[in-house]
Structure formats: C-alpha cells, structure tokens
N, C-alpha and C. Protein backbone atom coordinates (compact mmCIF):
# COMPACT_ATOMS: atom_id res chain seq x y z
N MET A 1 -4.81 3.90 -31.22
CA MET A 1 -5.34 5.03 -29.87
C MET A 1 -6.26 4.49 -29.31
N LYS A 2 -6.36 4.52 -27.99
CA LYS A 2 -7.65 3.76 -27.35
C LYS A 2 -8.18 4.74 -26.06
N ASN A 3 -9.13 4.79 -25.76
CA ASN A 3 -10.09 5.53 -25.14
C ASN A 3 -9.49 5.00 -23.47
N VAL A 4 -8.90 5.81 -22.63
CA VAL A 4 -8.98 5.37 -21.32
C VAL A 4 -10.32 6.36 -20.48
N GLY A 5 -10.87 5.62 -19.91
CA GLY A 5 -11.95 6.40 -19.07
C GLY A 5 -12.21 6.05 -17.85
N LEU A 6 -12.39 7.05 -16.73
CA LEU A 6 -13.00 6.83 -15.75
C LEU A 6 -13.81 7.86 -15.15
N THR A 7 -14.50 7.42 -13.87
CA THR A 7 -15.42 8.57 -13.35
C THR A 7 -15.17 8.89 -12.02
N ILE A 8 -15.18 9.99 -11.60
CA ILE A 8 -14.39 10.71 -10.53
C ILE A 8 -15.70 11.84 -9.78
N ASN A 9 -16.17 11.53 -8.62
CA ASN A 9 -17.40 12.12 -8.43
C ASN A 9 -18.71 12.47 -9.15
N GLY A 10 -18.81 11.46 -9.96
CA GLY A 10 -19.98 11.66 -10.68
C GLY A 10 -19.30 12.43 -12.24
N THR A 11 -18.41 12.82 -12.51
CA THR A 11 -18.01 13.30 -13.55
C THR A 11 -17.07 12.29 -14.58
N ARG A 12 -17.27 12.07 -15.83
CA ARG A 12 -16.84 11.13 -16.37
C ARG A 12 -15.40 11.74 -17.30
N TYR A 13 -14.51 11.20 -17.31
CA TYR A 13 -13.44 11.64 -18.02
C TYR A 13 -12.73 10.71 -18.96
N GLU A 14 -12.69 10.99 -20.31
CA GLU A 14 -12.06 10.21 -21.14
C GLU A 14 -10.94 10.51 -22.14
N ILE A 15 -10.15 10.04 -22.42
CA ILE A 15 -8.85 10.47 -23.14
C ILE A 15 -8.33 9.38 -23.83
N LYS A 16 -8.06 9.80 -25.24
CA LYS A 16 -7.25 8.95 -25.93
C LYS A 16 -5.88 8.87 -25.69
N LEU A 17 -5.27 7.73 -25.76
CA LEU A 17 -3.95 7.26 -25.59
C LEU A 17 -3.35 6.36 -26.62
N ASP A 18 -1.85 6.11 -26.84
CA ASP A 18 -1.66 4.96 -27.52
C ASP A 18 -1.93 3.90 -27.00
N ASP A 19 -1.92 2.90 -27.72
CA ASP A 19 -2.61 1.52 -27.39
C ASP A 19 -2.00 1.31 -25.98
N ALA A 20 -0.66 1.07 -26.27
CA ALA A 20 0.32 0.38 -25.30
C ALA A 20 0.36 1.14 -24.02
N PHE A 21 0.23 2.62 -24.14
CA PHE A 21 0.46 3.12 -23.08
C PHE A 21 -1.12 3.09 -22.08
N ALA A 22 -2.15 3.33 -23.32
CA ALA A 22 -3.30 2.94 -22.42
C ALA A 22 -3.76 1.81 -21.61
N ASP A 23 -3.38 0.94 -22.34
CA ASP A 23 -3.23 -0.87 -21.74
C ASP A 23 -2.35 -0.67 -20.25
N PHE A 24 -1.32 0.19 -20.19
CA PHE A 24 -0.55 0.32 -19.00
C PHE A 24 -1.44 1.33 -17.84
N VAL A 25 -2.14 2.45 -18.37
CA VAL A 25 -2.80 3.04 -17.51
C VAL A 25 -3.84 2.31 -16.94
N ASN A 26 -4.82 1.47 -17.73
CA ASN A 26 -5.94 0.85 -17.49
C ASN A 26 -5.62 -0.10 -16.20
N GLN A 27 -4.18 -0.89 -16.67
CA GLN A 27 -3.66 -1.80 -15.70
C GLN A 27 -3.40 -1.24 -14.21
N ASP A 28 -2.75 -0.32 -14.49
CA ASP A 28 -2.12 0.31 -13.23
C ASP A 28 -3.29 1.25 -12.32
N LEU A 29 -4.26 1.64 -13.31
CA LEU A 29 -5.60 2.10 -12.57
C LEU A 29 -6.29 1.27 -11.35
N GLU A 30 -6.52 0.05 -12.21
CA GLU A 30 -7.05 -1.24 -11.60
C GLU A 30 -6.40 -1.61 -10.44
N ALA A 31 -5.25 -1.95 -10.92
CA ALA A 31 -4.16 -2.30 -9.70
C ALA A 31 -4.19 -1.51 -8.34
N ALA A 32 -4.50 -0.15 -8.68
CA ALA A 32 -4.95 0.68 -7.32
C ALA A 32 -5.82 1.10 -7.01
N GLY A 33 -7.01 0.15 -7.12
CA GLY A 33 -8.39 0.07 -6.92
C GLY A 33 -9.36 0.85 -7.36
N ILE A 34 -8.83 1.54 -8.71
CA ILE A 34 -9.68 2.43 -9.30
C ILE A 34 -10.67 1.64 -10.37
N ASN A 35 -11.96 1.71 -10.20
CA ASN A 35 -12.95 0.80 -10.97
C ASN A 35 -13.20 1.64 -11.89
N LEU A 36 -13.00 1.28 -13.33
CA LEU A 36 -12.89 2.12 -14.54
C LEU A 36 -14.59 2.25 -14.97
N ALA A 37 -15.22 1.31 -14.66
CA ALA A 37 -17.06 0.96 -14.75
C ALA A 37 -17.88 1.91 -14.04
N THR A 38 -17.23 2.15 -12.70
CA THR A 38 -18.15 3.08 -11.59
C THR A 38 -17.61 3.99 -11.25
N ASP A 39 -18.43 5.10 -10.50
CA ASP A 39 -17.71 6.20 -10.04
C ASP A 39 -16.84 6.07 -8.89
N ASN A 40 -15.83 6.72 -8.58
CA ASN A 40 -14.55 6.87 -7.73
C ASN A 40 -14.65 8.00 -7.31
N LYS A 41 -14.24 7.86 -5.80
CA LYS A 41 -13.91 9.37 -4.89
C LYS A 41 -12.57 9.84 -5.23
N ALA A 42 -12.36 11.00 -5.23
CA ALA A 42 -11.04 11.27 -5.48
C ALA A 42 -10.00 11.02 -4.69
N ASP A 43 -10.20 10.59 -3.48
CA ASP A 43 -9.19 10.08 -2.54
C ASP A 43 -8.47 8.99 -3.37
N LYS A 44 -9.44 8.06 -3.93
CA LYS A 44 -8.79 6.87 -4.47
C LYS A 44 -7.86 7.18 -5.69
N LEU A 45 -8.14 8.41 -6.48
CA LEU A 45 -7.34 8.74 -7.44
C LEU A 45 -6.04 9.37 -7.14
N LEU A 46 -5.98 10.06 -5.88
CA LEU A 46 -4.80 10.75 -5.14
C LEU A 46 -4.20 9.46 -4.84
N LYS A 47 -4.50 8.53 -4.25
CA LYS A 47 -3.71 7.27 -3.81
C LYS A 47 -3.03 6.76 -4.98
N ALA A 48 -3.73 6.57 -5.81
CA ALA A 48 -3.24 5.73 -7.24
C ALA A 48 -1.89 6.69 -7.71
N TYR A 49 -2.15 7.90 -7.81
CA TYR A 49 -1.20 8.92 -8.06
C TYR A 49 0.23 8.82 -7.30
N LEU A 50 -0.07 8.95 -5.90
CA LEU A 50 1.16 8.71 -4.94
C LEU A 50 1.81 7.14 -5.23
N ARG A 51 1.09 6.56 -5.55
CA ARG A 51 1.56 5.21 -5.62
C ARG A 51 2.56 5.18 -6.68
N LEU A 52 2.14 5.79 -7.94
CA LEU A 52 3.12 6.11 -9.03
C LEU A 52 4.23 6.95 -8.67
N ALA A 53 3.70 8.07 -7.96
CA ALA A 53 4.93 8.67 -7.66
C ALA A 53 6.33 8.33 -6.72
N LYS A 54 5.76 7.26 -5.95
CA LYS A 54 6.73 6.67 -5.02
C LYS A 54 7.44 5.74 -5.80
N GLN A 55 7.02 4.98 -6.94
CA GLN A 55 7.54 4.30 -7.82
C GLN A 55 8.57 4.82 -8.36
N ALA A 56 8.06 5.85 -9.33
CA ALA A 56 9.06 6.93 -9.89
C ALA A 56 10.30 7.26 -9.13
N ALA A 57 10.08 7.63 -7.93
CA ALA A 57 11.17 8.13 -6.97
C ALA A 57 12.26 7.01 -6.88
N SER A 58 11.65 5.90 -6.63
CA SER A 58 12.56 4.60 -6.25
C SER A 58 13.11 4.40 -7.60
N TYR A 59 12.53 4.40 -8.85
CA TYR A 59 13.11 4.44 -10.15
C TYR A 59 14.58 5.36 -10.41
N GLU A 60 14.09 6.31 -10.11
CA GLU A 60 15.20 7.40 -9.93
C GLU A 60 16.11 7.08 -9.20
N LYS A 61 16.21 6.82 -7.79
CA LYS A 61 17.18 6.32 -7.24
C LYS A 61 18.04 5.38 -7.72
N GLU A 62 17.35 4.25 -8.17
CA GLU A 62 18.13 3.08 -8.69
C GLU A 62 18.76 3.66 -9.86
N ILE A 63 18.30 4.62 -10.81
CA ILE A 63 19.00 4.87 -11.74
C ILE A 63 20.19 5.66 -11.49
N GLU A 64 20.22 6.39 -10.35
CA GLU A 64 21.32 7.63 -9.91
C GLU A 64 22.23 6.55 -9.37
N LEU A 65 21.84 5.36 -8.77
CA LEU A 65 23.00 4.43 -8.34
C LEU A 65 23.66 3.85 -9.16
N LEU A 66 22.83 3.30 -10.26
CA LEU A 66 23.33 2.42 -11.44
C LEU A 66 24.66 3.63 -12.29
N VAL A 67 24.16 4.76 -12.44
CA VAL A 67 24.92 5.66 -13.02
C VAL A 67 26.10 5.79 -12.32
N GLU A 68 26.10 6.19 -10.83
CA GLU A 68 27.38 6.23 -10.03
C GLU A 68 28.23 4.93 -10.15
N THR A 69 27.46 3.67 -10.36
CA THR A 69 28.58 2.40 -10.45
C THR A 69 28.90 2.62 -11.73
N LEU A 70 28.31 2.75 -12.75
CA LEU A 70 28.93 2.71 -13.93
C LEU A 70 30.24 3.97 -14.12
N ASP A 71 30.06 4.79 -13.48
CA ASP A 71 30.93 6.25 -13.30
C ASP A 71 32.40 5.60 -12.75
N GLY A 72 31.95 4.46 -11.94
CA GLY A 72 33.23 4.28 -11.20
C GLY A 72 33.93 3.05 -11.79
N LEU A 73 33.60 2.68 -12.80
CA LEU A 73 34.24 1.63 -13.47
C LEU A 73 35.23 1.95 -14.41
C-alpha cells in the first residue's frame, strides 16, 4: 500500500491505495496539472476528474463497438 496525497484549498488529503493503483493515480494527477507537493485550487481537481470521465466514456464506447463487432461474427 502507498499513500497518495494532495492539497486542495489549504487542506491536505491522504489515502492509502494499492501500489500499482497509487502509481497510476499519481501519474494521472500530475499529467492533469495537479501538483502533489503544493496547494491546488479545486477547479484543477475538477478538470482532472473531467479528463478521466471523458476518457472512461470513450473507453465504454470502444468496448460497446467491440462487443457489437464480436456479436456480428
């Protein structure tokens, strides 16, 4: 287990996650412009969430298309 921590509007949040998932979360937050070592504004976290939500929606559409394709075989 690893700690993932970030500060939003002056409040520090830390959570323990599975090692591999913690690494993914840290990398994704950094890629979204979240600085894990300093304070962040809430809008940055919202933008990071929306970025992941868009990605998840895209994956769902791709999976549906693959299922439809496989059903047609």
